[in-house]
PDB file of N, CA and C in Angstrom:
ATOM      1  N   MET A   1    -205.693  78.000 206.055  1.00  0.00           N
ATOM      2  CA  MET A   1    -204.812  78.748 205.671  1.00  0.00           C
ATOM      3  C   MET A   1    -203.623  77.958 205.834  1.00  0.00           C
ATOM      4  N   ALA A   2    -203.361  77.225 206.688  1.00  0.00           N
ATOM      5  CA  ALA A   2    -202.150  76.476 207.002  1.00  0.00           C
ATOM      6  C   ALA A   2    -201.572  75.317 205.875  1.00  0.00           C
ATOM      7  N   SER A   3    -202.942  74.722 205.645  1.00  0.00           N
ATOM      8  CA  SER A   3    -202.800  73.731 204.490  1.00  0.00           C
ATOM      9  C   SER A   3    -202.332  74.729 203.146  1.00  0.00           C
ATOM     10  N   THR A   4    -202.743  75.507 202.657  1.00  0.00           N
ATOM     11  CA  THR A   4    -202.275  76.453 201.568  1.00  0.00           C
ATOM     12  C   THR A   4    -201.081  76.809 201.631  1.00  0.00           C
ATOM     13  N   ALA A   5    -200.620  77.227 202.654  1.00  0.00           N
ATOM     14  CA  ALA A   5    -198.834  77.399 203.025  1.00  0.00           C
ATOM     15  C   ALA A   5    -197.908  76.339 202.878  1.00  0.00           C
ATOM     16  N   GLY A   6    -198.764  74.930 203.139  1.00  0.00           N
ATOM     17  CA  GLY A   6    -198.116  73.901 203.340  1.00  0.00           C
ATOM     18  C   GLY A   6    -198.056  73.293 202.102  1.00  0.00           C
ATOM     19  N   TYR A   7    -198.974  73.570 201.149  1.00  0.00           N
ATOM     20  CA  TYR A   7    -198.697  73.104 199.860  1.00  0.00           C
ATOM     21  C   TYR A   7    -198.178  73.786 199.063  1.00  0.00           C
ATOM     22  N   LEU A   8    -197.980  75.332 199.244  1.00  0.00           N
ATOM     23  CA  LEU A   8    -197.087  76.161 198.329  1.00  0.00           C
ATOM     24  C   LEU A   8    -195.803  75.923 198.779  1.00  0.00           C
ATOM     25  N   ALA A   9    -195.367  75.820 199.892  1.00  0.00           N
ATOM     26  CA  ALA A   9    -194.152  75.169 200.464  1.00  0.00           C
ATOM     27  C   ALA A   9    -193.632  73.731 199.850  1.00  0.00           C
ATOM     28  N   ARG A  10    -194.302  72.757 199.989  1.00  0.00           N
ATOM     29  CA  ARG A  10    -194.162  71.584 199.460  1.00  0.00           C
ATOM     30  C   ARG A  10    -193.920  71.911 197.747  1.00  0.00           C
ATOM     31  N   ARG A  11    -194.840  72.501 196.818  1.00  0.00           N
ATOM     32  CA  ARG A  11    -194.721  72.613 195.505  1.00  0.00           C
ATOM     33  C   ARG A  11    -193.334  73.386 195.105  1.00  0.00           C
ATOM     34  N   ALA A  12    -192.882  74.485 196.134  1.00  0.00           N
ATOM     35  CA  ALA A  12    -191.764  75.085 195.719  1.00  0.00           C
ATOM     36  C   ALA A  12    -190.514  74.200 195.885  1.00  0.00           C
ATOM     37  N   GLY A  13    -190.514  73.125 197.022  1.00  0.00           N
ATOM     38  CA  GLY A  13    -189.581  72.389 197.306  1.00  0.00           C
ATOM     39  C   GLY A  13    -189.535  71.536 195.902  1.00  0.00           C
ATOM     40  N   GLN A  14    -190.646  70.904 195.705  1.00  0.00           N
ATOM     41  CA  GLN A  14    -190.568  69.917 194.215  1.00  0.00           C
ATOM     42  C   GLN A  14    -190.243  70.763 193.014  1.00  0.00           C
ATOM     43  N   LYS A  15    -190.283  72.028 192.912  1.00  0.00           N
ATOM     44  CA  LYS A  15    -189.938  72.493 191.835  1.00  0.00           C
ATOM     45  C   LYS A  15    -188.592  72.928 191.661  1.00  0.00           C
ATOM     46  N   GLU A  16    -187.865  73.000 192.883  1.00  0.00           N
ATOM     47  CA  GLU A  16    -186.569  73.142 193.024  1.00  0.00           C
ATOM     48  C   GLU A  16    -185.950  72.046 192.783  1.00  0.00           C
ATOM     49  N   ARG A  17    -186.566  70.706 193.294  1.00  0.00           N
ATOM     50  CA  ARG A  17    -185.715  69.489 193.186  1.00  0.00           C
ATOM     51  C   ARG A  17    -185.718  68.995 191.562  1.00  0.00           C
ATOM     52  N   VAL A  18    -186.613  69.509 191.086  1.00  0.00           N
ATOM     53  CA  VAL A  18    -186.718  69.152 189.648  1.00  0.00           C
ATOM     54  C   VAL A  18    -185.705  70.224 188.497  1.00  0.00           C
ATOM     55  N   ARG A  19    -185.738  71.322 189.064  1.00  0.00           N
ATOM     56  CA  ARG A  19    -184.543  72.336 188.491  1.00  0.00           C
ATOM     57  C   ARG A  19    -183.362  71.777 188.655  1.00  0.00           C
ATOM     58  N   LEU A  20    -183.020  71.318 189.721  1.00  0.00           N
ATOM     59  CA  LEU A  20    -181.699  70.809 190.052  1.00  0.00           C
ATOM     60  C   LEU A  20    -181.238  69.483 189.288  1.00  0.00           C
ATOM     61  N   LEU A  21    -182.448  68.961 189.461  1.00  0.00           N
ATOM     62  CA  LEU A  21    -181.981  67.420 188.779  1.00  0.00           C
ATOM     63  C   LEU A  21    -182.116  67.840 187.136  1.00  0.00           C
ATOM     64  N   TYR A  22    -182.812  68.566 186.602  1.00  0.00           N
ATOM     65  CA  TYR A  22    -182.537  68.578 185.310  1.00  0.00           C
ATOM     66  C   TYR A  22    -181.110  69.485 185.078  1.00  0.00           C
ATOM     67  N   ARG A  23    -180.806  70.424 185.774  1.00  0.00           N
ATOM     68  CA  ARG A  23    -179.368  70.923 185.360  1.00  0.00           C
ATOM     69  C   ARG A  23    -178.335  69.757 185.695  1.00  0.00           C
ATOM     70  N   ARG A  24    -178.470  69.030 186.713  1.00  0.00           N
ATOM     71  CA  ARG A  24    -177.363  67.982 186.775  1.00  0.00           C
ATOM     72  C   ARG A  24    -177.183  67.004 185.614  1.00  0.00           C
ATOM     73  N   ALA A  25    -178.566  66.891 185.258  1.00  0.00           N
ATOM     74  CA  ALA A  25    -178.751  65.599 183.728  1.00  0.00           C
ATOM     75  C   ALA A  25    -178.364  66.087 182.769  1.00  0.00           C
ATOM     76  N   LEU A  26    -178.716  67.671 182.653  1.00  0.00           N
ATOM     77  CA  LEU A  26    -178.115  68.163 181.245  1.00  0.00           C
ATOM     78  C   LEU A  26    -176.447  68.076 181.389  1.00  0.00           C
ATOM     79  N   LYS A  27    -176.156  68.420 182.446  1.00  0.00           N
ATOM     80  CA  LYS A  27    -174.915  68.546 182.539  1.00  0.00           C
ATOM     81  C   LYS A  27    -174.051  67.358 182.304  1.00  0.00           C
ATOM     82  N   ASP A  28    -174.402  66.131 182.823  1.00  0.00           N
ATOM     83  CA  ASP A  28    -173.929  65.016 182.703  1.00  0.00           C
ATOM     84  C   ASP A  28    -174.318  64.476 181.130  1.00  0.00           C
ATOM     85  N   THR A  29    -175.311  64.913 180.510  1.00  0.00           N
ATOM     86  CA  THR A  29    -175.305  64.706 179.150  1.00  0.00           C
ATOM     87  C   THR A  29    -174.379  65.079 178.209  1.00  0.00           C
ATOM     88  N   LEU A  30    -173.608  66.223 178.582  1.00  0.00           N
ATOM     89  CA  LEU A  30    -172.491  66.522 178.002  1.00  0.00           C
ATOM     90  C   LEU A  30    -171.173  65.987 178.123  1.00  0.00           C
ATOM     91  N   ASN A  31    -171.196  65.097 179.292  1.00  0.00           N
ATOM     92  CA  ASN A  31    -170.123  63.909 179.300  1.00  0.00           C
ATOM     93  C   ASN A  31    -170.334  62.639 178.362  1.00  0.00           C
ATOM     94  N   TRP A  32    -171.333  62.511 178.420  1.00  0.00           N
ATOM     95  CA  TRP A  32    -171.895  61.303 177.191  1.00  0.00           C
ATOM     96  C   TRP A  32    -171.848  61.396 175.767  1.00  0.00           C
ATOM     97  N   ALA A  33    -171.827  62.734 175.508  1.00  0.00           N
ATOM     98  CA  ALA A  33    -172.149  63.214 174.096  1.00  0.00           C
ATOM     99  C   ALA A  33    -170.377  63.633 173.494  1.00  0.00           C
ATOM    100  N   VAL A  34    -170.250  62.854 172.249  1.00  0.00           N
ATOM    101  CA  VAL A  34    -168.835  63.322 171.816  1.00  0.00           C
ATOM    102  C   VAL A  34    -168.970  64.760 171.183  1.00  0.00           C
ATOM    103  N   HIS A  35    -169.990  64.944 170.377  1.00  0.00           N
ATOM    104  CA  HIS A  35    -170.134  65.989 169.571  1.00  0.00           C
ATOM    105  C   HIS A  35    -170.963  66.632 169.948  1.00  0.00           C
ATOM    106  N   ARG A  36    -171.232  68.193 169.763  1.00  0.00           N
ATOM    107  CA  ARG A  36    -172.405  68.981 169.927  1.00  0.00           C
ATOM    108  C   ARG A  36    -173.568  68.707 169.396  1.00  0.00           C
ATOM    109  N   HIS A  37    -173.433  68.300 167.851  1.00  0.00           N
ATOM    110  CA  HIS A  37    -174.796  67.716 167.204  1.00  0.00           C
ATOM    111  C   HIS A  37    -175.401  66.372 168.128  1.00  0.00           C
ATOM    112  N   LEU A  38    -174.602  65.666 168.587  1.00  0.00           N
ATOM    113  CA  LEU A  38    -175.149  64.809 169.592  1.00  0.00           C
ATOM    114  C   LEU A  38    -175.677  64.998 170.809  1.00  0.00           C
ATOM    115  N   PHE A  39    -174.863  66.180 171.601  1.00  0.00           N
ATOM    116  CA  PHE A  39    -175.660  66.657 172.725  1.00  0.00           C
ATOM    117  C   PHE A  39    -177.073  67.489 172.426  1.00  0.00           C
ATOM    118  N   TYR A  40    -176.789  68.047 171.206  1.00  0.00           N
ATOM    119  CA  TYR A  40    -178.240  68.882 171.290  1.00  0.00           C
ATOM    120  C   TYR A  40    -179.579  67.973 171.114  1.00  0.00           C
ATOM    121  N   GLN A  41    -179.191  66.676 170.319  1.00  0.00           N
ATOM    122  CA  GLN A  41    -180.162  65.933 170.254  1.00  0.00           C
ATOM    123  C   GLN A  41    -180.674  65.174 171.723  1.00  0.00           C
ATOM    124  N   ASP A  42    -179.302  64.816 172.427  1.00  0.00           N
ATOM    125  CA  ASP A  42    -179.828  64.059 173.781  1.00  0.00           C
ATOM    126  C   ASP A  42    -180.358  65.187 174.597  1.00  0.00           C
ATOM    127  N   ALA A  43    -179.914  66.325 174.393  1.00  0.00           N
ATOM    128  CA  ALA A  43    -180.715  67.612 175.707  1.00  0.00           C
ATOM    129  C   ALA A  43    -182.053  67.729 175.003  1.00  0.00           C
ATOM    130  N   SER A  44    -182.391  67.677 173.732  1.00  0.00           N
ATOM    131  CA  SER A  44    -183.885  67.639 173.367  1.00  0.00           C
ATOM    132  C   SER A  44    -184.484  66.683 174.020  1.00  0.00           C
ATOM    133  N   ASP A  45    -183.953  65.510 173.872  1.00  0.00           N
ATOM    134  CA  ASP A  45    -184.858  64.313 174.420  1.00  0.00           C
ATOM    135  C   ASP A  45    -184.871  64.332 175.654  1.00  0.00           C
ATOM    136  N   LEU A  46    -184.046  64.703 176.769  1.00  0.00           N
ATOM    137  CA  LEU A  46    -184.080  65.182 177.645  1.00  0.00           C
ATOM    138  C   LEU A  46    -185.364  66.223 178.435  1.00  0.00           C
ATOM    139  N   ARG A  47    -185.080  67.047 177.764  1.00  0.00           N
ATOM    140  CA  ARG A  47    -186.130  68.061 177.751  1.00  0.00           C
ATOM    141  C   ARG A  47    -187.655  67.400 177.672  1.00  0.00           C
ATOM    142  N   ASP A  48    -187.961  66.688 176.337  1.00  0.00           N
ATOM    143  CA  ASP A  48    -189.090  66.072 176.340  1.00  0.00           C
ATOM    144  C   ASP A  48    -189.538  65.078 177.380  1.00  0.00           C
ATOM    145  N   LYS A  49    -188.533  64.421 178.087  1.00  0.00           N
ATOM    146  CA  LYS A  49    -188.705  63.834 179.109  1.00  0.00           C
ATOM    147  C   LYS A  49    -189.436  64.588 180.395  1.00  0.00           C
ATOM    148  N   PHE A  50    -188.728  65.583 180.630  1.00  0.00           N
ATOM    149  CA  PHE A  50    -189.134  66.704 181.853  1.00  0.00           C
ATOM    150  C   PHE A  50    -190.794  67.074 181.203  1.00  0.00           C
ATOM    151  N   GLU A  51    -190.984  67.193 180.127  1.00  0.00           N
ATOM    152  CA  GLU A  51    -192.021  68.095 179.700  1.00  0.00           C
ATOM    153  C   GLU A  51    -193.315  67.104 179.826  1.00  0.00           C
ATOM    154  N   ALA A  52    -193.052  65.799 179.170  1.00  0.00           N
ATOM    155  CA  ALA A  52    -194.053  64.661 179.429  1.00  0.00           C
ATOM    156  C   ALA A  52    -194.919  64.829 181.112  1.00  0.00           C
ATOM    157  N   ASN A  53    -194.340  65.376 182.039  1.00  0.00           N
ATOM    158  CA  ASN A  53    -194.904  65.246 183.069  1.00  0.00           C
ATOM    159  C   ASN A  53    -195.241  66.720 183.699  1.00  0.00           C
ATOM    160  N   ARG A  54    -195.121  67.570 182.882  1.00  0.00           N
ATOM    161  CA  ARG A  54    -195.219  68.923 183.469  1.00  0.00           C
ATOM    162  C   ARG A  54    -196.848  69.015 183.759  1.00  0.00           C
ATOM    163  N   HIS A  55    -197.754  68.390 183.253  1.00  0.00           N
ATOM    164  CA  HIS A  55    -199.248  68.497 183.864  1.00  0.00           C
ATOM    165  C   HIS A  55    -199.735  67.616 184.969  1.00  0.00           C
ATOM    166  N   VAL A  56    -198.793  66.951 185.561  1.00  0.00           N
ATOM    167  CA  VAL A  56    -199.164  66.283 187.000  1.00  0.00           C
ATOM    168  C   VAL A  56    -199.418  67.435 187.928  1.00  0.00           C
ATOM    169  N   ASP A  57    -200.357  66.979 188.758  1.00  0.00           N
ATOM    170  CA  ASP A  57    -200.805  67.964 189.979  1.00  0.00           C
ATOM    171  C   ASP A  57    -200.898  67.466 190.909  1.00  0.00           C
ATOM    172  N   ASN A  58    -201.021  66.131 191.380  1.00  0.00           N
ATOM    173  CA  ASN A  58    -201.318  65.416 192.487  1.00  0.00           C
ATOM    174  C   ASN A  58    -199.350  65.417 193.003  1.00  0.00           C
ATOM    175  N   LEU A  59    -199.477  66.218 194.327  1.00  0.00           N
ATOM    176  CA  LEU A  59    -198.190  66.045 195.085  1.00  0.00           C
ATOM    177  C   LEU A  59    -197.511  64.653 195.140  1.00  0.00           C
ATOM    178  N   ASP A  60    -197.994  63.588 195.504  1.00  0.00           N
ATOM    179  CA  ASP A  60    -197.700  62.212 195.965  1.00  0.00           C
ATOM    180  C   ASP A  60    -197.203  61.671 194.578  1.00  0.00           C
ATOM    181  N   VAL A  61    -197.584  61.911 193.673  1.00  0.00           N
ATOM    182  CA  VAL A  61    -196.868  61.420 192.153  1.00  0.00           C
ATOM    183  C   VAL A  61    -195.965  62.320 191.779  1.00  0.00           C
ATOM    184  N   ILE A  62    -195.946  63.434 191.952  1.00  0.00           N
ATOM    185  CA  ILE A  62    -194.771  64.187 191.886  1.00  0.00           C
ATOM    186  C   ILE A  62    -193.741  63.818 192.465  1.00  0.00           C
ATOM    187  N   ASP A  63    -193.712  63.834 193.735  1.00  0.00           N
ATOM    188  CA  ASP A  63    -192.927  63.215 194.673  1.00  0.00           C
ATOM    189  C   ASP A  63    -192.106  61.633 194.294  1.00  0.00           C
ATOM    190  N   ARG A  64    -192.957  61.022 193.954  1.00  0.00           N
ATOM    191  CA  ARG A  64    -192.521  59.827 193.127  1.00  0.00           C
ATOM    192  C   ARG A  64    -191.822  59.947 192.013  1.00  0.00           C
ATOM    193  N   LEU A  65    -192.524  60.671 190.968  1.00  0.00           N
ATOM    194  CA  LEU A  65    -191.483  60.849 189.894  1.00  0.00           C
ATOM    195  C   LEU A  65    -190.383  61.430 189.975  1.00  0.00           C
ATOM    196  N   ILE A  66    -189.937  62.429 191.038  1.00  0.00           N
ATOM    197  CA  ILE A  66    -188.668  62.847 191.240  1.00  0.00           C
ATOM    198  C   ILE A  66    -188.008  61.817 191.806  1.00  0.00           C
ATOM    199  N   ASP A  67    -188.406  61.138 192.457  1.00  0.00           N
ATOM    200  CA  ASP A  67    -187.653  59.869 193.307  1.00  0.00           C
ATOM    201  C   ASP A  67    -187.101  59.165 192.187  1.00  0.00           C
ATOM    202  N   ASP A  68    -187.889  58.631 191.110  1.00  0.00           N
ATOM    203  CA  ASP A  68    -187.288  57.904 190.358  1.00  0.00           C
ATOM    204  C   ASP A  68    -186.658  58.255 189.457  1.00  0.00           C
ATOM    205  N   ALA A  69    -186.830  59.615 189.029  1.00  0.00           N
ATOM    206  CA  ALA A  69    -185.889  60.292 187.838  1.00  0.00           C
ATOM    207  C   ALA A  69    -184.609  60.289 188.510  1.00  0.00           C
ATOM    208  N   GLU A  70    -184.622  60.715 190.116  1.00  0.00           N
ATOM    209  CA  GLU A  70    -183.205  60.886 190.264  1.00  0.00           C
ATOM    210  C   GLU A  70    -182.370  59.534 190.645  1.00  0.00           C
ATOM    211  N   ALA A  71    -183.384  58.631 190.975  1.00  0.00           N
ATOM    212  CA  ALA A  71    -182.572  57.222 190.766  1.00  0.00           C
ATOM    213  C   ALA A  71    -182.080  56.843 189.541  1.00  0.00           C
ATOM    214  N   GLN A  72    -182.871  57.092 188.585  1.00  0.00           N
ATOM    215  CA  GLN A  72    -182.486  56.884 187.083  1.00  0.00           C
ATOM    216  C   GLN A  72    -181.100  57.533 186.832  1.00  0.00           C
ATOM    217  N   HIS A  73    -181.437  58.741 187.231  1.00  0.00           N
ATOM    218  CA  HIS A  73    -179.864  59.552 187.092  1.00  0.00           C
ATOM    219  C   HIS A  73    -178.664  59.065 187.505  1.00  0.00           C
ATOM    220  N   ARG A  74    -178.814  58.580 188.812  1.00  0.00           N
ATOM    221  CA  ARG A  74    -177.856  58.112 189.650  1.00  0.00           C
ATOM    222  C   ARG A  74    -177.303  56.803 189.007  1.00  0.00           C
ATOM    223  N   ASN A  75    -178.224  56.119 188.336  1.00  0.00           N
ATOM    224  CA  ASN A  75    -177.547  54.577 187.591  1.00  0.00           C
ATOM    225  C   ASN A  75    -176.925  55.051 186.467  1.00  0.00           C
ATOM    226  N   PHE A  76    -177.376  56.165 185.597  1.00  0.00           N
ATOM    227  CA  PHE A  76    -176.704  56.363 184.311  1.00  0.00           C
ATOM    228  C   PHE A  76    -175.947  57.505 184.384  1.00  0.00           C
ATOM    229  N   GLN A  77    -175.345  58.044 185.680  1.00  0.00           N
ATOM    230  CA  GLN A  77    -174.227  58.994 185.514  1.00  0.00           C
ATOM    231  C   GLN A  77    -172.834  58.133 184.894  1.00  0.00           C
ATOM    232  N   HIS A  78    -172.183  59.186 184.383  1.00  0.00           N
ATOM    233  CA  HIS A  78    -170.886  58.928 183.714  1.00  0.00           C
ATOM    234  C   HIS A  78    -170.028  58.629 184.702  1.00  0.00           C
ATOM    235  N   PRO A  79    -169.424  57.337 184.267  1.00  0.00           N
ATOM    236  CA  PRO A  79    -168.223  56.922 185.138  1.00  0.00           C
ATOM    237  C   PRO A  79    -166.822  57.870 185.604  1.00  0.00           C
ATOM    238  N   ASP A  80    -166.656  58.395 184.509  1.00  0.00           N
ATOM    239  CA  ASP A  80    -165.681  59.689 184.284  1.00  0.00           C
ATOM    240  C   ASP A  80    -165.829  60.721 183.544  1.00  0.00           C
ATOM    241  N   PRO A  81    -166.778  61.824 184.626  1.00  0.00           N
ATOM    242  CA  PRO A  81    -167.106  62.915 184.024  1.00  0.00           C
ATOM    243  C   PRO A  81    -166.161  63.924 183.384  1.00  0.00           C
ATOM    244  N   TYR A  82    -166.258  64.503 182.633  1.00  0.00           N
ATOM    245  CA  TYR A  82    -165.512  65.739 181.740  1.00  0.00           C
ATOM    246  C   TYR A  82    -165.317  66.771 183.044  1.00  0.00           C
ATOM    247  N   ILE A  83    -163.903  67.174 182.889  1.00  0.00           N
ATOM    248  CA  ILE A  83    -163.499  68.335 184.002  1.00  0.00           C
ATOM    249  C   ILE A  83    -162.732  69.067 183.077  1.00  0.00           C
ATOM    250  N   VAL A  84    -163.074  70.227 183.250  1.00  0.00           N
ATOM    251  CA  VAL A  84    -162.077  71.265 182.424  1.00  0.00           C
ATOM    252  C   VAL A  84    -160.924  71.329 182.804  1.00  0.00           C
ATOM    253  N   PRO A  85    -160.072  71.467 181.791  1.00  0.00           N
ATOM    254  CA  PRO A  85    -158.380  70.807 182.421  1.00  0.00           C
ATOM    255  C   PRO A  85    -157.983  71.784 183.265  1.00  0.00           C
ATOM    256  N   TRP A  86    -158.178  72.968 183.323  1.00  0.00           N
ATOM    257  CA  TRP A  86    -157.740  74.111 184.570  1.00  0.00           C
ATOM    258  C   TRP A  86    -158.822  74.294 185.732  1.00  0.00           C
ATOM    259  N   ALA A  87    -159.412  73.510 185.897  1.00  0.00           N
ATOM    260  CA  ALA A  87    -160.188  73.332 187.203  1.00  0.00           C
ATOM    261  C   ALA A  87    -159.655  72.275 188.017  1.00  0.00           C
ATOM    262  N   PRO A  88    -160.009  72.500 189.511  1.00  0.00           N
ATOM    263  CA  PRO A  88    -159.734  71.522 190.188  1.00  0.00           C
ATOM    264  C   PRO A  88    -160.079  70.129 189.920  1.00  0.00           C
ATOM    265  N   GLY A  89    -158.876  69.462 189.857  1.00  0.00           N
ATOM    266  CA  GLY A  89    -159.277  67.730 189.369  1.00  0.00           C
ATOM    267  C   GLY A  89    -158.871  67.715 187.850  1.00  0.00           C
ATOM    268  N   GLY A  90    -158.881  68.824 187.312  1.00  0.00           N
ATOM    269  CA  GLY A  90    -158.575  68.764 185.755  1.00  0.00           C
ATOM    270  C   GLY A  90    -157.166  68.523 185.793  1.00  0.00           C
ATOM    271  N   THR A  91    -156.626  68.045 184.418  1.00  0.00           N
ATOM    272  CA  THR A  91    -155.287  67.345 184.034  1.00  0.00           C
ATOM    273  C   THR A  91    -154.234  68.532 184.134  1.00  0.00           C
ATOM    274  N   LYS A  92    -154.755  69.848 183.879  1.00  0.00           N
ATOM    275  CA  LYS A  92    -153.654  71.296 183.947  1.00  0.00           C
ATOM    276  C   LYS A  92    -153.884  72.290 185.339  1.00  0.00           C
ATOM    277  N   PHE A  93    -154.639  71.587 186.014  1.00  0.00           N
ATOM    278  CA  PHE A  93    -154.959  72.237 187.268  1.00  0.00           C
ATOM    279  C   PHE A  93    -153.096  72.022 188.506  1.00  0.00           C
ATOM    280  N   THR A  94    -152.873  73.489 188.429  1.00  0.00           N
ATOM    281  CA  THR A  94    -151.671  73.599 188.951  1.00  0.00           C
ATOM    282  C   THR A  94    -150.222  72.930 188.349  1.00  0.00           C
ATOM    283  N   ARG A  95    -150.333  72.752 186.961  1.00  0.00           N
ATOM    284  CA  ARG A  95    -149.682  72.254 186.159  1.00  0.00           C
ATOM    285  C   ARG A  95    -148.301  72.886 186.216  1.00  0.00           C
ATOM    286  N   ASN A  96    -148.159  74.381 186.092  1.00  0.00           N
ATOM    287  CA  ASN A  96    -146.992  75.198 185.829  1.00  0.00           C
ATOM    288  C   ASN A  96    -146.493  75.347 187.482  1.00  0.00           C
ATOM    289  N   PRO A  97    -145.300  74.784 187.565  1.00  0.00           N
ATOM    290  CA  PRO A  97    -144.991  75.039 189.197  1.00  0.00           C
ATOM    291  C   PRO A  97    -144.245  76.208 189.066  1.00  0.00           C
ATOM    292  N   PRO A  98    -144.017  76.930 190.277  1.00  0.00           N
ATOM    293  CA  PRO A  98    -143.547  78.283 190.327  1.00  0.00           C
ATOM    294  C   PRO A  98    -141.963  78.263 189.882  1.00  0.00           C
ATOM    295  N   PRO A  99    -141.523  79.415 189.488  1.00  0.00           N
ATOM    296  CA  PRO A  99    -139.937  78.995 189.271  1.00  0.00           C
ATOM    297  C   PRO A  99    -139.233  79.121 190.363  1.00  0.00           C
ATOM    298  N   PRO A 100    -137.830  78.526 189.947  1.00  0.00           N
ATOM    299  CA  PRO A 100    -137.087  78.450 190.965  1.00  0.00           C
ATOM    300  C   PRO A 100    -136.634  79.530 191.803  1.00  0.00           C
ATOM    301  N   GLN A 101    -136.128  79.314 193.096  1.00  0.00           N
ATOM    302  CA  GLN A 101    -135.810  80.452 194.163  1.00  0.00           C
ATOM    303  C   GLN A 101    -134.596  81.034 193.189  1.00  0.00           C
ATOM    304  N   GLY A 102    -134.559  82.492 193.181  1.00  0.00           N
ATOM    305  CA  GLY A 102    -133.365  83.247 192.728  1.00  0.00           C
ATOM    306  C   GLY A 102    -133.840  83.781 191.248  1.00  0.00           C
ATOM    307  N   ILE A 103    -134.743  83.359 190.585  1.00  0.00           N
ATOM    308  CA  ILE A 103    -135.112  83.702 189.155  1.00  0.00           C
ATOM    309  C   ILE A 103    -136.049  85.033 189.152  1.00  0.00           C
ATOM    310  N   GLU A 104    -135.420  85.614 188.522  1.00  0.00           N
ATOM    311  CA  GLU A 104    -136.222  87.326 188.727  1.00  0.00           C
ATOM    312  C   GLU A 104    -136.934  87.197 187.319  1.00  0.00           C
ATOM    313  N   ILE A 105    -138.356  87.556 187.220  1.00  0.00           N
ATOM    314  CA  ILE A 105    -139.034  87.937 186.019  1.00  0.00           C
ATOM    315  C   ILE A 105    -139.505  89.275 185.996  1.00  0.00           C
ATOM    316  N   ILE A 106    -138.970  89.964 184.783  1.00  0.00           N
ATOM    317  CA  ILE A 106    -139.000  91.506 184.632  1.00  0.00           C
ATOM    318  C   ILE A 106    -139.937  91.468 183.372  1.00  0.00           C
ATOM    319  N   TYR A 107    -141.131  92.288 183.961  1.00  0.00           N
ATOM    320  CA  TYR A 107    -142.044  92.034 182.953  1.00  0.00           C
ATOM    321  C   TYR A 107    -142.339  93.417 182.260  1.00  0.00           C
ATOM    322  N   ASN A 108    -141.267  94.406 182.442  1.00  0.00           N
ATOM    323  CA  ASN A 108    -141.365  95.714 181.848  1.00  0.00           C
ATOM    324  C   ASN A 108    -140.079  95.833 180.998  1.00  0.00           C
ATOM    325  N   TYR A 109    -139.645  94.808 180.482  1.00  0.00           N
ATOM    326  CA  TYR A 109    -138.367  94.643 179.846  1.00  0.00           C
ATOM    327  C   TYR A 109    -138.179  95.634 178.446  1.00  0.00           C
ATOM    328  N   GLY A 110    -137.030  96.496 178.538  1.00  0.00           N
ATOM    329  CA  GLY A 110    -136.963  97.325 177.597  1.00  0.00           C
ATOM    330  C   GLY A 110    -137.655  98.955 177.709  1.00  0.00           C
ATOM    331  N   LYS A 111    -138.334  98.756 178.681  1.00  0.00           N
ATOM    332  CA  LYS A 111    -139.099  99.934 179.261  1.00  0.00           C
ATOM    333  C   LYS A 111    -138.365 100.940 180.560  1.00  0.00           C
ATOM    334  N   GLU A 112    -138.420 102.256 180.309  1.00  0.00           N
ATOM    335  CA  GLU A 112    -137.452 103.045 181.298  1.00  0.00           C
ATOM    336  C   GLU A 112    -138.328 103.523 181.798  1.00  0.00           C
ATOM    337  N   ASP A 113    -138.280 103.724 183.582  1.00  0.00           N
ATOM    338  CA  ASP A 113    -139.086 104.407 184.297  1.00  0.00           C
ATOM    339  C   ASP A 113    -138.860 105.727 184.496  1.00  0.00           C
TER     340      ASP A 113
END
């Protein structure tokens, strides 16, 4: 029973690594694709690469495949990934400075209380 629990734990860890690797690779594909129609084709090719090894059952082979795929992903990551402009690290992050001291902003202009 201990070997069954160990097997299931190892398989669960491998599935999580594959899931995270696929998500990272798919997001990185967005950095390389200039237009959506190019991204869709690249995403389909990426999915095919992952699906090609879906039938593998040997745990050691699966670990080797995951390690190879992670190394390949590290080698082909985009050097300047896209960052949403208003997100931390984006071009518009904290772009609008606060108003100077003494300036009062009235939001209910023209309304009477």
